[in-house]
């Protein structure tokens, strides 16, 4: 079997997550997080759209981690993301973290907006 080391060239991966926190690039961060190809921000949830929309040209797909369970996002957020031509994938936060890491390792133009579990 051949093992290939995974590298993350554009942004750090999500190392782990737990109740109310994420560990990103070795740092424990409490609260929601917005991970973009070149930057990381605190994210306060579905109404916090300004940063995402202002950087829409950096993204092909945004994974939205909706917490412990998958839920729908507000229609206004979906419309704003559609108008900015950002693809959206809704997932429970654990699934969004794993998917983000896989596609990040492939060098994709992705982001993640994550509500903690």
PDB file of N, CA and C in Angstrom:
ATOM      1  N   UNK A   1       0.850  -1.162   0.000  1.00  0.00           N
ATOM      2  CA  UNK A   1       0.000   0.000   0.000  1.00  0.00           C
ATOM      3  C   UNK A   1       0.903   1.234   0.000  1.00  0.00           C
ATOM      4  N   UNK A   2       0.535   2.216  -0.806  1.00  0.00           N
ATOM      5  CA  UNK A   2       1.275   3.461  -0.855  1.00  0.00           C
ATOM      6  C   UNK A   2       0.508   4.522  -0.066  1.00  0.00           C
ATOM      7  N   UNK A   3       1.183   5.166   0.850  1.00  0.00           N
ATOM      8  CA  UNK A   3       0.585   6.254   1.613  1.00  0.00           C
ATOM      9  C   UNK A   3       1.051   7.575   1.032  1.00  0.00           C
ATOM     10  N   UNK A   4       0.127   8.490   0.885  1.00  0.00           N
ATOM     11  CA  UNK A   4       0.454   9.805   0.358  1.00  0.00           C
ATOM     12  C   UNK A   4       0.179  10.839   1.440  1.00  0.00           C
ATOM     13  N   UNK A   5       1.179  11.631   1.730  1.00  0.00           N
ATOM     14  CA  UNK A   5       1.005  12.664   2.741  1.00  0.00           C
ATOM     15  C   UNK A   5       0.087  13.753   2.191  1.00  0.00           C
ATOM     16  N   UNK A   6      -0.856  14.176   3.009  1.00  0.00           N
ATOM     17  CA  UNK A   6      -1.785  15.224   2.613  1.00  0.00           C
ATOM     18  C   UNK A   6      -1.165  16.569   2.953  1.00  0.00           C
ATOM     19  N   UNK A   7      -1.225  17.472   1.999  1.00  0.00           N
ATOM     20  CA  UNK A   7      -0.751  18.829   2.247  1.00  0.00           C
ATOM     21  C   UNK A   7      -1.898  19.801   2.027  1.00  0.00           C
ATOM     22  N   UNK A   8      -1.856  20.863   2.766  1.00  0.00           N
ATOM     23  CA  UNK A   8      -2.860  21.916   2.660  1.00  0.00           C
ATOM     24  C   UNK A   8      -2.124  23.192   2.280  1.00  0.00           C
ATOM     25  N   UNK A   9      -2.165  23.535   1.010  1.00  0.00           N
ATOM     26  CA  UNK A   9      -1.383  24.653   0.508  1.00  0.00           C
ATOM     27  C   UNK A   9      -2.059  26.006   0.697  1.00  0.00           C
ATOM     28  N   UNK A  10      -3.381  26.047   0.655  1.00  0.00           N
ATOM     29  CA  UNK A  10      -4.055  27.339   0.630  1.00  0.00           C
ATOM     30  C   UNK A  10      -4.535  27.820   1.992  1.00  0.00           C
ATOM     31  N   UNK A  11      -4.895  26.914   2.871  1.00  0.00           N
ATOM     32  CA  UNK A  11      -5.443  27.286   4.181  1.00  0.00           C
ATOM     33  C   UNK A  11      -5.255  26.115   5.140  1.00  0.00           C
ATOM     34  N   UNK A  12      -5.269  26.388   6.437  1.00  0.00           N
ATOM     35  CA  UNK A  12      -5.120  25.274   7.382  1.00  0.00           C
ATOM     36  C   UNK A  12      -6.394  24.434   7.478  1.00  0.00           C
ATOM     37  N   UNK A  13      -6.255  23.142   7.764  1.00  0.00           N
ATOM     38  CA  UNK A  13      -7.417  22.279   7.924  1.00  0.00           C
ATOM     39  C   UNK A  13      -8.040  22.452   9.309  1.00  0.00           C
ATOM     40  N   UNK A  14      -9.202  21.865   9.462  1.00  0.00           N
ATOM     41  CA  UNK A  14      -9.856  21.800  10.770  1.00  0.00           C
ATOM     42  C   UNK A  14      -9.299  20.555  11.446  1.00  0.00           C
ATOM     43  N   UNK A  15      -8.555  20.750  12.524  1.00  0.00           N
ATOM     44  CA  UNK A  15      -7.922  19.628  13.218  1.00  0.00           C
ATOM     45  C   UNK A  15      -8.950  18.796  13.982  1.00  0.00           C
ATOM     46  N   UNK A  16      -9.891  19.485  14.645  1.00  0.00           N
ATOM     47  CA  UNK A  16     -10.920  18.795  15.415  1.00  0.00           C
ATOM     48  C   UNK A  16     -12.002  19.795  15.795  1.00  0.00           C
ATOM     49  N   UNK A  17     -13.039  19.283  16.418  1.00  0.00           N
ATOM     50  CA  UNK A  17     -14.144  20.123  16.887  1.00  0.00           C
ATOM     51  C   UNK A  17     -14.759  19.442  18.084  1.00  0.00           C
ATOM     52  N   UNK A  18     -15.507  20.199  18.857  1.00  0.00           N
ATOM     53  CA  UNK A  18     -16.185  19.654  20.025  1.00  0.00           C
ATOM     54  C   UNK A  18     -17.257  20.621  20.467  1.00  0.00           C
ATOM     55  N   UNK A  19     -17.827  20.400  21.628  1.00  0.00           N
ATOM     56  CA  UNK A  19     -18.920  21.257  22.090  1.00  0.00           C
ATOM     57  C   UNK A  19     -18.488  22.726  22.192  1.00  0.00           C
ATOM     58  N   UNK A  20     -18.943  23.522  21.237  1.00  0.00           N
ATOM     59  CA  UNK A  20     -18.705  24.957  21.259  1.00  0.00           C
ATOM     60  C   UNK A  20     -17.364  25.415  20.725  1.00  0.00           C
ATOM     61  N   UNK A  21     -16.528  24.505  20.189  1.00  0.00           N
ATOM     62  CA  UNK A  21     -15.207  24.942  19.730  1.00  0.00           C
ATOM     63  C   UNK A  21     -14.751  24.197  18.485  1.00  0.00           C
ATOM     64  N   UNK A  22     -13.733  24.790  17.860  1.00  0.00           N
ATOM     65  CA  UNK A  22     -13.015  24.167  16.751  1.00  0.00           C
ATOM     66  C   UNK A  22     -11.531  24.281  17.058  1.00  0.00           C
ATOM     67  N   UNK A  23     -10.750  23.315  16.611  1.00  0.00           N
ATOM     68  CA  UNK A  23      -9.291  23.428  16.663  1.00  0.00           C
ATOM     69  C   UNK A  23      -8.841  23.543  15.213  1.00  0.00           C
ATOM     70  N   UNK A  24      -8.272  24.714  14.891  1.00  0.00           N
ATOM     71  CA  UNK A  24      -7.850  25.008  13.534  1.00  0.00           C
ATOM     72  C   UNK A  24      -6.384  25.407  13.580  1.00  0.00           C
ATOM     73  N   UNK A  25      -5.578  24.686  12.833  1.00  0.00           N
ATOM     74  CA  UNK A  25      -4.137  24.956  12.785  1.00  0.00           C
ATOM     75  C   UNK A  25      -3.540  24.952  14.190  1.00  0.00           C
ATOM     76  N   UNK A  26      -4.032  24.040  15.037  1.00  0.00           N
ATOM     77  CA  UNK A  26      -3.511  23.882  16.390  1.00  0.00           C
ATOM     78  C   UNK A  26      -4.087  24.830  17.414  1.00  0.00           C
ATOM     79  N   UNK A  27      -4.912  25.779  16.998  1.00  0.00           N
ATOM     80  CA  UNK A  27      -5.483  26.770  17.912  1.00  0.00           C
ATOM     81  C   UNK A  27      -6.937  26.428  18.236  1.00  0.00           C
ATOM     82  N   UNK A  28      -7.296  26.441  19.521  1.00  0.00           N
ATOM     83  CA  UNK A  28      -8.680  26.212  19.933  1.00  0.00           C
ATOM     84  C   UNK A  28      -9.427  27.536  19.836  1.00  0.00           C
ATOM     85  N   UNK A  29     -10.541  27.517  19.098  1.00  0.00           N
ATOM     86  CA  UNK A  29     -11.325  28.720  18.856  1.00  0.00           C
ATOM     87  C   UNK A  29     -12.767  28.420  19.246  1.00  0.00           C
ATOM     88  N   UNK A  30     -13.315  29.232  20.119  1.00  0.00           N
ATOM     89  CA  UNK A  30     -14.697  29.040  20.568  1.00  0.00           C
ATOM     90  C   UNK A  30     -15.652  29.839  19.690  1.00  0.00           C
ATOM     91  N   UNK A  31     -16.811  29.247  19.420  1.00  0.00           N
ATOM     92  CA  UNK A  31     -17.835  29.921  18.635  1.00  0.00           C
ATOM     93  C   UNK A  31     -17.768  29.562  17.160  1.00  0.00           C
ATOM     94  N   UNK A  32     -18.702  30.131  16.404  1.00  0.00           N
ATOM     95  CA  UNK A  32     -18.791  29.863  14.975  1.00  0.00           C
ATOM     96  C   UNK A  32     -17.583  30.388  14.226  1.00  0.00           C
ATOM     97  N   UNK A  33     -17.291  29.736  13.097  1.00  0.00           N
ATOM     98  CA  UNK A  33     -16.126  30.105  12.300  1.00  0.00           C
ATOM     99  C   UNK A  33     -16.492  30.182  10.821  1.00  0.00           C
ATOM    100  N   UNK A  34     -15.888  31.152  10.156  1.00  0.00           N
ATOM    101  CA  UNK A  34     -15.989  31.284   8.709  1.00  0.00           C
ATOM    102  C   UNK A  34     -14.589  31.095   8.151  1.00  0.00           C
ATOM    103  N   UNK A  35     -14.397  30.035   7.389  1.00  0.00           N
ATOM    104  CA  UNK A  35     -13.097  29.722   6.805  1.00  0.00           C
ATOM    105  C   UNK A  35     -13.162  29.983   5.309  1.00  0.00           C
ATOM    106  N   UNK A  36     -12.312  30.878   4.847  1.00  0.00           N
ATOM    107  CA  UNK A  36     -12.235  31.221   3.437  1.00  0.00           C
ATOM    108  C   UNK A  36     -10.854  30.843   2.924  1.00  0.00           C
ATOM    109  N   UNK A  37     -10.645  30.830   1.623  1.00  0.00           N
ATOM    110  CA  UNK A  37      -9.359  30.369   1.106  1.00  0.00           C
ATOM    111  C   UNK A  37      -8.136  31.089   1.667  1.00  0.00           C
ATOM    112  N   UNK A  38      -8.264  32.331   2.041  1.00  0.00           N
ATOM    113  CA  UNK A  38      -7.094  33.071   2.510  1.00  0.00           C
ATOM    114  C   UNK A  38      -7.236  33.627   3.920  1.00  0.00           C
ATOM    115  N   UNK A  39      -8.407  33.476   4.532  1.00  0.00           N
ATOM    116  CA  UNK A  39      -8.662  34.116   5.826  1.00  0.00           C
ATOM    117  C   UNK A  39      -9.608  33.276   6.677  1.00  0.00           C
ATOM    118  N   UNK A  40      -9.598  33.573   7.977  1.00  0.00           N
ATOM    119  CA  UNK A  40     -10.520  32.936   8.922  1.00  0.00           C
ATOM    120  C   UNK A  40     -11.137  34.034   9.775  1.00  0.00           C
ATOM    121  N   UNK A  41     -12.442  33.920  10.045  1.00  0.00           N
ATOM    122  CA  UNK A  41     -13.171  34.926  10.811  1.00  0.00           C
ATOM    123  C   UNK A  41     -14.079  34.249  11.830  1.00  0.00           C
ATOM    124  N   UNK A  42     -14.410  34.975  12.886  1.00  0.00           N
ATOM    125  CA  UNK A  42     -15.508  34.553  13.752  1.00  0.00           C
ATOM    126  C   UNK A  42     -16.779  34.691  12.917  1.00  0.00           C
ATOM    127  N   UNK A  43     -17.724  33.775  13.106  1.00  0.00           N
ATOM    128  CA  UNK A  43     -18.977  33.816  12.348  1.00  0.00           C
ATOM    129  C   UNK A  43     -20.130  33.670  13.322  1.00  0.00           C
ATOM    130  N   UNK A  44     -21.044  34.633  13.289  1.00  0.00           N
ATOM    131  CA  UNK A  44     -22.133  34.630  14.260  1.00  0.00           C
ATOM    132  C   UNK A  44     -23.409  33.963  13.765  1.00  0.00           C
ATOM    133  N   UNK A  45     -23.371  33.393  12.599  1.00  0.00           N
ATOM    134  CA  UNK A  45     -24.527  32.624  12.146  1.00  0.00           C
ATOM    135  C   UNK A  45     -25.137  33.128  10.853  1.00  0.00           C
ATOM    136  N   UNK A  46     -26.332  32.674  10.588  1.00  0.00           N
ATOM    137  CA  UNK A  46     -26.984  32.871   9.297  1.00  0.00           C
ATOM    138  C   UNK A  46     -27.172  34.322   8.886  1.00  0.00           C
ATOM    139  N   UNK A  47     -27.240  35.243   9.840  1.00  0.00           N
ATOM    140  CA  UNK A  47     -27.413  36.657   9.500  1.00  0.00           C
ATOM    141  C   UNK A  47     -26.083  37.352   9.211  1.00  0.00           C
ATOM    142  N   UNK A  48     -24.993  36.691   9.453  1.00  0.00           N
ATOM    143  CA  UNK A  48     -23.653  37.251   9.284  1.00  0.00           C
ATOM    144  C   UNK A  48     -23.162  36.953   7.861  1.00  0.00           C
ATOM    145  N   UNK A  49     -23.563  37.789   6.896  1.00  0.00           N
ATOM    146  CA  UNK A  49     -23.296  37.503   5.485  1.00  0.00           C
ATOM    147  C   UNK A  49     -22.292  38.447   4.827  1.00  0.00           C
ATOM    148  N   UNK A  50     -22.014  39.572   5.432  1.00  0.00           N
ATOM    149  CA  UNK A  50     -21.207  40.603   4.776  1.00  0.00           C
ATOM    150  C   UNK A  50     -19.836  40.081   4.320  1.00  0.00           C
ATOM    151  N   UNK A  51     -19.137  39.396   5.201  1.00  0.00           N
ATOM    152  CA  UNK A  51     -17.796  38.901   4.860  1.00  0.00           C
ATOM    153  C   UNK A  51     -17.863  37.865   3.748  1.00  0.00           C
ATOM    154  N   UNK A  52     -18.827  36.980   3.817  1.00  0.00           N
ATOM    155  CA  UNK A  52     -18.966  35.951   2.771  1.00  0.00           C
ATOM    156  C   UNK A  52     -19.212  36.610   1.419  1.00  0.00           C
ATOM    157  N   UNK A  53     -20.176  37.514   1.373  1.00  0.00           N
ATOM    158  CA  UNK A  53     -20.553  38.120   0.104  1.00  0.00           C
ATOM    159  C   UNK A  53     -19.448  39.007  -0.459  1.00  0.00           C
ATOM    160  N   UNK A  54     -18.697  39.662   0.413  1.00  0.00           N
ATOM    161  CA  UNK A  54     -17.626  40.543  -0.066  1.00  0.00           C
ATOM    162  C   UNK A  54     -16.449  39.756  -0.651  1.00  0.00           C
ATOM    163  N   UNK A  55     -16.384  38.486  -0.368  1.00  0.00           N
ATOM    164  CA  UNK A  55     -15.298  37.641  -0.874  1.00  0.00           C
ATOM    165  C   UNK A  55     -15.808  36.527  -1.788  1.00  0.00           C
ATOM    166  N   UNK A  56     -16.964  36.741  -2.377  1.00  0.00           N
ATOM    167  CA  UNK A  56     -17.612  35.724  -3.206  1.00  0.00           C
ATOM    168  C   UNK A  56     -16.729  35.256  -4.359  1.00  0.00           C
ATOM    169  N   UNK A  57     -15.926  36.116  -4.917  1.00  0.00           N
ATOM    170  CA  UNK A  57     -15.086  35.754  -6.068  1.00  0.00           C
ATOM    171  C   UNK A  57     -14.004  34.734  -5.704  1.00  0.00           C
ATOM    172  N   UNK A  58     -13.742  34.548  -4.403  1.00  0.00           N
ATOM    173  CA  UNK A  58     -12.737  33.580  -3.957  1.00  0.00           C
ATOM    174  C   UNK A  58     -13.278  32.159  -3.873  1.00  0.00           C
ATOM    175  N   UNK A  59     -14.613  32.023  -3.926  1.00  0.00           N
ATOM    176  CA  UNK A  59     -15.250  30.742  -3.626  1.00  0.00           C
ATOM    177  C   UNK A  59     -15.994  30.149  -4.805  1.00  0.00           C
ATOM    178  N   UNK A  60     -15.904  28.846  -4.922  1.00  0.00           N
ATOM    179  CA  UNK A  60     -16.795  28.112  -5.803  1.00  0.00           C
ATOM    180  C   UNK A  60     -17.924  27.491  -4.988  1.00  0.00           C
ATOM    181  N   UNK A  61     -17.575  26.994  -3.794  1.00  0.00           N
ATOM    182  CA  UNK A  61     -18.553  26.319  -2.938  1.00  0.00           C
ATOM    183  C   UNK A  61     -18.328  26.723  -1.493  1.00  0.00           C
ATOM    184  N   UNK A  62     -19.425  26.935  -0.788  1.00  0.00           N
ATOM    185  CA  UNK A  62     -19.396  27.207   0.648  1.00  0.00           C
ATOM    186  C   UNK A  62     -20.148  26.080   1.347  1.00  0.00           C
ATOM    187  N   UNK A  63     -19.464  25.398   2.259  1.00  0.00           N
ATOM    188  CA  UNK A  63     -20.117  24.390   3.090  1.00  0.00           C
ATOM    189  C   UNK A  63     -20.649  25.102   4.321  1.00  0.00           C
ATOM    190  N   UNK A  64     -21.922  24.921   4.588  1.00  0.00           N
ATOM    191  CA  UNK A  64     -22.519  25.511   5.781  1.00  0.00           C
ATOM    192  C   UNK A  64     -22.805  24.392   6.760  1.00  0.00           C
ATOM    193  N   UNK A  65     -22.079  24.416   7.876  1.00  0.00           N
ATOM    194  CA  UNK A  65     -22.289  23.456   8.949  1.00  0.00           C
ATOM    195  C   UNK A  65     -23.331  24.023   9.900  1.00  0.00           C
ATOM    196  N   UNK A  66     -24.474  23.374   9.970  1.00  0.00           N
ATOM    197  CA  UNK A  66     -25.624  23.921  10.691  1.00  0.00           C
ATOM    198  C   UNK A  66     -25.715  23.459  12.144  1.00  0.00           C
ATOM    199  N   UNK A  67     -24.648  22.921  12.688  1.00  0.00           N
ATOM    200  CA  UNK A  67     -24.660  22.438  14.070  1.00  0.00           C
ATOM    201  C   UNK A  67     -24.680  20.922  14.108  1.00  0.00           C
ATOM    202  N   UNK A  68     -25.176  20.375  15.196  1.00  0.00           N
ATOM    203  CA  UNK A  68     -25.183  18.921  15.372  1.00  0.00           C
ATOM    204  C   UNK A  68     -26.093  18.215  14.367  1.00  0.00           C
ATOM    205  N   UNK A  69     -27.130  18.880  13.932  1.00  0.00           N
ATOM    206  CA  UNK A  69     -28.087  18.315  12.970  1.00  0.00           C
ATOM    207  C   UNK A  69     -28.178  19.225  11.753  1.00  0.00           C
ATOM    208  N   UNK A  70     -28.476  18.650  10.612  1.00  0.00           N
ATOM    209  CA  UNK A  70     -28.669  19.457   9.419  1.00  0.00           C
ATOM    210  C   UNK A  70     -30.015  20.175   9.513  1.00  0.00           C
ATOM    211  N   UNK A  71     -30.000  21.445   9.187  1.00  0.00           N
ATOM    212  CA  UNK A  71     -31.224  22.246   9.162  1.00  0.00           C
ATOM    213  C   UNK A  71     -31.207  23.112   7.913  1.00  0.00           C
ATOM    214  N   UNK A  72     -32.317  23.700   7.599  1.00  0.00           N
ATOM    215  CA  UNK A  72     -32.401  24.628   6.474  1.00  0.00           C
ATOM    216  C   UNK A  72     -31.846  25.991   6.887  1.00  0.00           C
ATOM    217  N   UNK A  73     -31.368  26.738   5.914  1.00  0.00           N
ATOM    218  CA  UNK A  73     -30.916  28.099   6.184  1.00  0.00           C
ATOM    219  C   UNK A  73     -32.030  29.058   5.783  1.00  0.00           C
ATOM    220  N   UNK A  74     -32.006  30.269   6.320  1.00  0.00           N
ATOM    221  CA  UNK A  74     -33.039  31.241   5.945  1.00  0.00           C
ATOM    222  C   UNK A  74     -33.036  31.507   4.431  1.00  0.00           C
ATOM    223  N   UNK A  75     -34.206  31.739   3.905  1.00  0.00           N
ATOM    224  CA  UNK A  75     -34.351  31.975   2.469  1.00  0.00           C
ATOM    225  C   UNK A  75     -33.526  33.184   2.023  1.00  0.00           C
ATOM    226  N   UNK A  76     -33.458  34.221   2.845  1.00  0.00           N
ATOM    227  CA  UNK A  76     -32.686  35.414   2.482  1.00  0.00           C
ATOM    228  C   UNK A  76     -31.208  35.084   2.296  1.00  0.00           C
ATOM    229  N   UNK A  77     -30.664  34.217   3.126  1.00  0.00           N
ATOM    230  CA  UNK A  77     -29.265  33.812   2.990  1.00  0.00           C
ATOM    231  C   UNK A  77     -29.073  32.998   1.719  1.00  0.00           C
ATOM    232  N   UNK A  78     -29.945  32.061   1.469  1.00  0.00           N
ATOM    233  CA  UNK A  78     -29.847  31.236   0.252  1.00  0.00           C
ATOM    234  C   UNK A  78     -29.905  32.126  -0.993  1.00  0.00           C
ATOM    235  N   UNK A  79     -30.821  33.082  -1.011  1.00  0.00           N
ATOM    236  CA  UNK A  79     -30.955  33.989  -2.150  1.00  0.00           C
ATOM    237  C   UNK A  79     -29.696  34.826  -2.338  1.00  0.00           C
ATOM    238  N   UNK A  80     -29.148  35.367  -1.253  1.00  0.00           N
ATOM    239  CA  UNK A  80     -27.943  36.192  -1.337  1.00  0.00           C
ATOM    240  C   UNK A  80     -26.760  35.381  -1.871  1.00  0.00           C
ATOM    241  N   UNK A  81     -26.610  34.150  -1.424  1.00  0.00           N
ATOM    242  CA  UNK A  81     -25.513  33.301  -1.894  1.00  0.00           C
ATOM    243  C   UNK A  81     -25.706  32.919  -3.362  1.00  0.00           C
ATOM    244  N   UNK A  82     -26.945  32.641  -3.743  1.00  0.00           N
ATOM    245  CA  UNK A  82     -27.237  32.330  -5.148  1.00  0.00           C
ATOM    246  C   UNK A  82     -26.915  33.525  -6.044  1.00  0.00           C
ATOM    247  N   UNK A  83     -27.310  34.718  -5.622  1.00  0.00           N
ATOM    248  CA  UNK A  83     -27.052  35.923  -6.417  1.00  0.00           C
ATOM    249  C   UNK A  83     -25.556  36.215  -6.526  1.00  0.00           C
ATOM    250  N   UNK A  84     -24.785  35.827  -5.504  1.00  0.00           N
ATOM    251  CA  UNK A  84     -23.330  36.017  -5.528  1.00  0.00           C
ATOM    252  C   UNK A  84     -22.631  34.878  -6.273  1.00  0.00           C
ATOM    253  N   UNK A  85     -23.421  33.942  -6.791  1.00  0.00           N
ATOM    254  CA  UNK A  85     -22.920  32.790  -7.547  1.00  0.00           C
ATOM    255  C   UNK A  85     -21.977  31.915  -6.724  1.00  0.00           C
ATOM    256  N   UNK A  86     -22.341  31.725  -5.460  1.00  0.00           N
ATOM    257  CA  UNK A  86     -21.607  30.822  -4.572  1.00  0.00           C
ATOM    258  C   UNK A  86     -22.435  29.545  -4.435  1.00  0.00           C
ATOM    259  N   UNK A  87     -21.842  28.421  -4.793  1.00  0.00           N
ATOM    260  CA  UNK A  87     -22.508  27.147  -4.570  1.00  0.00           C
ATOM    261  C   UNK A  87     -22.595  26.881  -3.078  1.00  0.00           C
ATOM    262  N   UNK A  88     -23.677  26.281  -2.632  1.00  0.00           N
ATOM    263  CA  UNK A  88     -23.914  26.059  -1.209  1.00  0.00           C
ATOM    264  C   UNK A  88     -24.232  24.595  -0.963  1.00  0.00           C
ATOM    265  N   UNK A  89     -23.589  24.046   0.055  1.00  0.00           N
ATOM    266  CA  UNK A  89     -23.884  22.685   0.505  1.00  0.00           C
ATOM    267  C   UNK A  89     -24.184  22.749   1.996  1.00  0.00           C
ATOM    268  N   UNK A  90     -25.388  22.355   2.377  1.00  0.00           N
ATOM    269  CA  UNK A  90     -25.780  22.321   3.789  1.00  0.00           C
ATOM    270  C   UNK A  90     -25.462  20.952   4.365  1.00  0.00           C
ATOM    271  N   UNK A  91     -24.860  20.956   5.558  1.00  0.00           N
ATOM    272  CA  UNK A  91     -24.503  19.708   6.221  1.00  0.00           C
ATOM    273  C   UNK A  91     -24.511  19.936   7.716  1.00  0.00           C
ATOM    274  N   UNK A  92     -24.597  18.860   8.470  1.00  0.00           N
ATOM    275  CA  UNK A  92     -24.312  18.961   9.894  1.00  0.00           C
ATOM    276  C   UNK A  92     -22.838  19.364  10.014  1.00  0.00           C
ATOM    277  N   UNK A  93     -22.484  20.086  11.049  1.00  0.00           N
ATOM    278  CA  UNK A  93     -21.125  20.605  11.182  1.00  0.00           C
ATOM    279  C   UNK A  93     -20.046  19.521  11.123  1.00  0.00           C
ATOM    280  N   UNK A  94     -20.189  18.371  11.790  1.00  0.00           N
ATOM    281  CA  UNK A  94     -19.136  17.355  11.668  1.00  0.00           C
ATOM    282  C   UNK A  94     -18.874  16.928  10.219  1.00  0.00           C
ATOM    283  N   UNK A  95     -19.924  16.753   9.452  1.00  0.00           N
ATOM    284  CA  UNK A  95     -19.780  16.372   8.047  1.00  0.00           C
ATOM    285  C   UNK A  95     -19.148  17.503   7.246  1.00  0.00           C
ATOM    286  N   UNK A  96     -19.543  18.739   7.523  1.00  0.00           N
ATOM    287  CA  UNK A  96     -18.972  19.889   6.823  1.00  0.00           C
ATOM    288  C   UNK A  96     -17.470  19.998   7.089  1.00  0.00           C
ATOM    289  N   UNK A  97     -17.051  19.743   8.316  1.00  0.00           N
ATOM    290  CA  UNK A  97     -15.616  19.801   8.652  1.00  0.00           C
ATOM    291  C   UNK A  97     -14.828  18.756   7.872  1.00  0.00           C
ATOM    292  N   UNK A  98     -15.329  17.537   7.840  1.00  0.00           N
ATOM    293  CA  UNK A  98     -14.621  16.475   7.127  1.00  0.00           C
ATOM    294  C   UNK A  98     -14.567  16.750   5.624  1.00  0.00           C
ATOM    295  N   UNK A  99     -15.681  17.175   5.061  1.00  0.00           N
ATOM    296  CA  UNK A  99     -15.738  17.451   3.630  1.00  0.00           C
ATOM    297  C   UNK A  99     -14.833  18.624   3.268  1.00  0.00           C
ATOM    298  N   UNK A 100     -14.835  19.650   4.096  1.00  0.00           N
ATOM    299  CA  UNK A 100     -13.960  20.808   3.889  1.00  0.00           C
ATOM    300  C   UNK A 100     -12.499  20.355   3.832  1.00  0.00           C
ATOM    301  N   UNK A 101     -12.082  19.540   4.776  1.00  0.00           N
ATOM    302  CA  UNK A 101     -10.685  19.087   4.801  1.00  0.00           C
ATOM    303  C   UNK A 101     -10.313  18.293   3.549  1.00  0.00           C
ATOM    304  N   UNK A 102     -11.189  17.416   3.100  1.00  0.00           N
ATOM    305  CA  UNK A 102     -10.899  16.612   1.916  1.00  0.00           C
ATOM    306  C   UNK A 102     -10.728  17.510   0.690  1.00  0.00           C
ATOM    307  N   UNK A 103     -11.671  18.411   0.469  1.00  0.00           N
ATOM    308  CA  UNK A 103     -11.592  19.258  -0.721  1.00  0.00           C
ATOM    309  C   UNK A 103     -10.480  20.300  -0.604  1.00  0.00           C
ATOM    310  N   UNK A 104     -10.190  20.735   0.606  1.00  0.00           N
ATOM    311  CA  UNK A 104      -9.066  21.645   0.809  1.00  0.00           C
ATOM    312  C   UNK A 104      -7.760  20.975   0.397  1.00  0.00           C
ATOM    313  N   UNK A 105      -7.617  19.699   0.736  1.00  0.00           N
ATOM    314  CA  UNK A 105      -6.391  18.969   0.369  1.00  0.00           C
ATOM    315  C   UNK A 105      -6.258  18.811  -1.142  1.00  0.00           C
ATOM    316  N   UNK A 106      -7.362  18.936  -1.869  1.00  0.00           N
ATOM    317  CA  UNK A 106      -7.348  18.850  -3.329  1.00  0.00           C
ATOM    318  C   UNK A 106      -7.114  20.215  -3.976  1.00  0.00           C
ATOM    319  N   UNK A 107      -6.967  21.254  -3.159  1.00  0.00           N
ATOM    320  CA  UNK A 107      -6.706  22.591  -3.690  1.00  0.00           C
ATOM    321  C   UNK A 107      -7.930  23.294  -4.238  1.00  0.00           C
ATOM    322  N   UNK A 108      -9.103  22.877  -3.821  1.00  0.00           N
ATOM    323  CA  UNK A 108     -10.348  23.488  -4.321  1.00  0.00           C
ATOM    324  C   UNK A 108     -10.573  24.872  -3.718  1.00  0.00           C
ATOM    325  N   UNK A 109     -11.382  25.681  -4.409  1.00  0.00           N
ATOM    326  CA  UNK A 109     -11.737  27.025  -3.954  1.00  0.00           C
ATOM    327  C   UNK A 109     -13.007  26.940  -3.090  1.00  0.00           C
ATOM    328  N   UNK A 110     -12.803  26.568  -1.835  1.00  0.00           N
ATOM    329  CA  UNK A 110     -13.938  26.302  -0.958  1.00  0.00           C
ATOM    330  C   UNK A 110     -13.856  27.164   0.297  1.00  0.00           C
ATOM    331  N   UNK A 111     -14.987  27.226   0.971  1.00  0.00           N
ATOM    332  CA  UNK A 111     -15.052  27.871   2.274  1.00  0.00           C
ATOM    333  C   UNK A 111     -16.006  27.081   3.150  1.00  0.00           C
ATOM    334  N   UNK A 112     -15.990  27.407   4.435  1.00  0.00           N
ATOM    335  CA  UNK A 112     -16.902  26.758   5.372  1.00  0.00           C
ATOM    336  C   UNK A 112     -17.400  27.790   6.373  1.00  0.00           C
ATOM    337  N   UNK A 113     -18.691  27.814   6.560  1.00  0.00           N
ATOM    338  CA  UNK A 113     -19.322  28.639   7.583  1.00  0.00           C
ATOM    339  C   UNK A 113     -19.898  27.647   8.589  1.00  0.00           C
ATOM    340  N   UNK A 114     -19.348  27.655   9.792  1.00  0.00           N
ATOM    341  CA  UNK A 114     -19.606  26.565  10.737  1.00  0.00           C
ATOM    342  C   UNK A 114     -20.197  27.036  12.054  1.00  0.00           C
ATOM    343  N   UNK A 115     -21.336  26.468  12.405  1.00  0.00           N
ATOM    344  CA  UNK A 115     -21.917  26.652  13.728  1.00  0.00           C
ATOM    345  C   UNK A 115     -21.409  25.486  14.578  1.00  0.00           C
ATOM    346  N   UNK A 116     -20.884  25.761  15.772  1.00  0.00           N
ATOM    347  CA  UNK A 116     -20.336  24.660  16.573  1.00  0.00           C
ATOM    348  C   UNK A 116     -21.411  23.660  16.981  1.00  0.00           C
ATOM    349  N   UNK A 117     -20.961  22.450  17.285  1.00  0.00           N
ATOM    350  CA  UNK A 117     -21.873  21.407  17.779  1.00  0.00           C
ATOM    351  C   UNK A 117     -22.073  21.580  19.267  1.00  0.00           C
TER     352      UNK A 117
END
